[in-house]
Amino acid sequence: FLDGNDDDLLNSGATSIFKDNSFSKPIITPKTMKNSVLIYKSSEKLFHGFDFTKLPKNSYRKTVNFLFFPK
């Protein structure tokens, strides 16, 4: 994350890692949405994201995303 709302991380689009796809069993949640990074192995059976239905209107977040591929 480059910049985002730290007042309510879970409802501001903070990408987290979950055990389930209903976002009810968090494993890792960010402590800040300002100048932070989340690195995880996407081949593991984990779910990442956030609940779009809880995003307040007029909220924002700035992110940079990338994916590494093995040779």
C-alpha atoms as a PDB file:
ATOM      1  CA  PHE A   1       0.000   0.000   0.000  1.00  0.00           C
ATOM      2  CA  LEU A   2       1.171   3.502  -0.713  1.00  0.00           C
ATOM      3  CA  ASP A   3      -1.640   5.375   1.025  1.00  0.00           C
ATOM      4  CA  GLY A   4      -4.996   4.504   2.555  1.00  0.00           C
ATOM      5  CA  ASN A   5      -7.306   4.914   5.536  1.00  0.00           C
ATOM      6  CA  ASP A   6      -5.693   3.624   8.741  1.00  0.00           C
ATOM      7  CA  ASP A   7      -8.773   4.456  10.859  1.00  0.00           C
ATOM      8  CA  ASP A   8     -10.697   1.321   9.766  1.00  0.00           C
ATOM      9  CA  LEU A   9      -8.358  -1.054   7.947  1.00  0.00           C
ATOM     10  CA  LEU A  10     -10.741  -3.981   7.404  1.00  0.00           C
ATOM     11  CA  ASN A  11     -13.439  -1.783   5.906  1.00  0.00           C
ATOM     12  CA  SER A  12     -11.093   0.378   3.854  1.00  0.00           C
ATOM     13  CA  GLY A  13      -9.808  -2.163   1.346  1.00  0.00           C
ATOM     14  CA  ALA A  14      -6.832  -3.455   3.285  1.00  0.00           C
ATOM     15  CA  THR A  15      -5.889  -6.692   1.538  1.00  0.00           C
ATOM     16  CA  SER A  16      -5.636  -9.479   4.103  1.00  0.00           C
ATOM     17  CA  ILE A  17      -4.960 -13.238   4.037  1.00  0.00           C
ATOM     18  CA  PHE A  18      -7.830 -15.525   5.116  1.00  0.00           C
ATOM     19  CA  LYS A  19      -8.448 -19.240   5.735  1.00  0.00           C
ATOM     20  CA  ASP A  20     -11.827 -19.017   3.959  1.00  0.00           C
ATOM     21  CA  ASN A  21     -13.355 -17.165   1.021  1.00  0.00           C
ATOM     22  CA  SER A  22     -16.038 -15.466   3.112  1.00  0.00           C
ATOM     23  CA  PHE A  23     -13.408 -13.275   4.851  1.00  0.00           C
ATOM     24  CA  SER A  24     -14.461 -14.496   8.317  1.00  0.00           C
ATOM     25  CA  LYS A  25     -11.220 -16.250   9.351  1.00  0.00           C
ATOM     26  CA  PRO A  26      -8.309 -13.810   9.003  1.00  0.00           C
ATOM     27  CA  ILE A  27      -4.739 -15.090   9.227  1.00  0.00           C
ATOM     28  CA  ILE A  28      -2.892 -11.846   8.491  1.00  0.00           C
ATOM     29  CA  THR A  29      -4.268  -8.318   8.406  1.00  0.00           C
ATOM     30  CA  PRO A  30      -2.138  -5.244   7.756  1.00  0.00           C
ATOM     31  CA  LYS A  31      -1.350  -2.876  10.608  1.00  0.00           C
ATOM     32  CA  THR A  32      -1.197   0.109   8.262  1.00  0.00           C
ATOM     33  CA  MET A  33      -2.116   1.118   4.725  1.00  0.00           C
ATOM     34  CA  LYS A  34       0.651   3.680   4.505  1.00  0.00           C
ATOM     35  CA  ASN A  35       3.982   2.628   2.983  1.00  0.00           C
ATOM     36  CA  SER A  36       3.585  -1.084   3.711  1.00  0.00           C
ATOM     37  CA  VAL A  37       3.927  -4.328   1.768  1.00  0.00           C
ATOM     38  CA  LEU A  38       2.232  -7.735   1.814  1.00  0.00           C
ATOM     39  CA  ILE A  39       4.164 -10.653   0.308  1.00  0.00           C
ATOM     40  CA  TYR A  40       2.656 -14.125   0.161  1.00  0.00           C
ATOM     41  CA  LYS A  41       2.973 -17.370  -1.777  1.00  0.00           C
ATOM     42  CA  SER A  42      -0.052 -17.473  -4.081  1.00  0.00           C
ATOM     43  CA  SER A  43       0.215 -21.227  -4.674  1.00  0.00           C
ATOM     44  CA  GLU A  44      -0.818 -21.958  -1.082  1.00  0.00           C
ATOM     45  CA  LYS A  45      -4.497 -22.684  -0.386  1.00  0.00           C
ATOM     46  CA  LEU A  46      -5.223 -19.271   1.097  1.00  0.00           C
ATOM     47  CA  PHE A  47      -7.598 -16.471   0.194  1.00  0.00           C
ATOM     48  CA  HIS A  48      -6.539 -12.850  -0.151  1.00  0.00           C
ATOM     49  CA  GLY A  49      -8.576  -9.703  -0.498  1.00  0.00           C
ATOM     50  CA  PHE A  50     -11.185  -7.764   1.408  1.00  0.00           C
ATOM     51  CA  ASP A  51     -14.967  -7.554   1.595  1.00  0.00           C
ATOM     52  CA  PHE A  52     -16.027  -5.164  -1.195  1.00  0.00           C
ATOM     53  CA  THR A  53     -19.503  -4.834   0.327  1.00  0.00           C
ATOM     54  CA  LYS A  54     -18.096  -3.084   3.395  1.00  0.00           C
ATOM     55  CA  LEU A  55     -16.197  -0.375   1.525  1.00  0.00           C
ATOM     56  CA  PRO A  56     -17.605   3.050   2.389  1.00  0.00           C
ATOM     57  CA  LYS A  57     -18.423   5.408  -0.446  1.00  0.00           C
ATOM     58  CA  ASN A  58     -15.744   7.950  -1.326  1.00  0.00           C
ATOM     59  CA  SER A  59     -12.996   5.827   0.228  1.00  0.00           C
ATOM     60  CA  TYR A  60      -9.659   5.476  -1.507  1.00  0.00           C
ATOM     61  CA  ARG A  61      -6.474   3.464  -1.398  1.00  0.00           C
ATOM     62  CA  LYS A  62      -3.372   3.641  -3.535  1.00  0.00           C
ATOM     63  CA  THR A  63      -1.564   0.401  -4.273  1.00  0.00           C
ATOM     64  CA  VAL A  64       1.164  -1.039  -6.450  1.00  0.00           C
ATOM     65  CA  ASN A  65       0.801  -4.726  -7.329  1.00  0.00           C
ATOM     66  CA  PHE A  66       3.269  -7.148  -8.893  1.00  0.00           C
ATOM     67  CA  LEU A  67       3.720 -10.889  -9.397  1.00  0.00           C
ATOM     68  CA  PHE A  68       6.947 -12.880  -9.615  1.00  0.00           C
ATOM     69  CA  PHE A  69       7.194 -15.904 -11.923  1.00  0.00           C
ATOM     70  CA  PRO A  70       9.902 -18.563 -11.578  1.00  0.00           C
ATOM     71  CA  LYS A  71      12.122 -19.136 -14.602  1.00  0.00           C
END
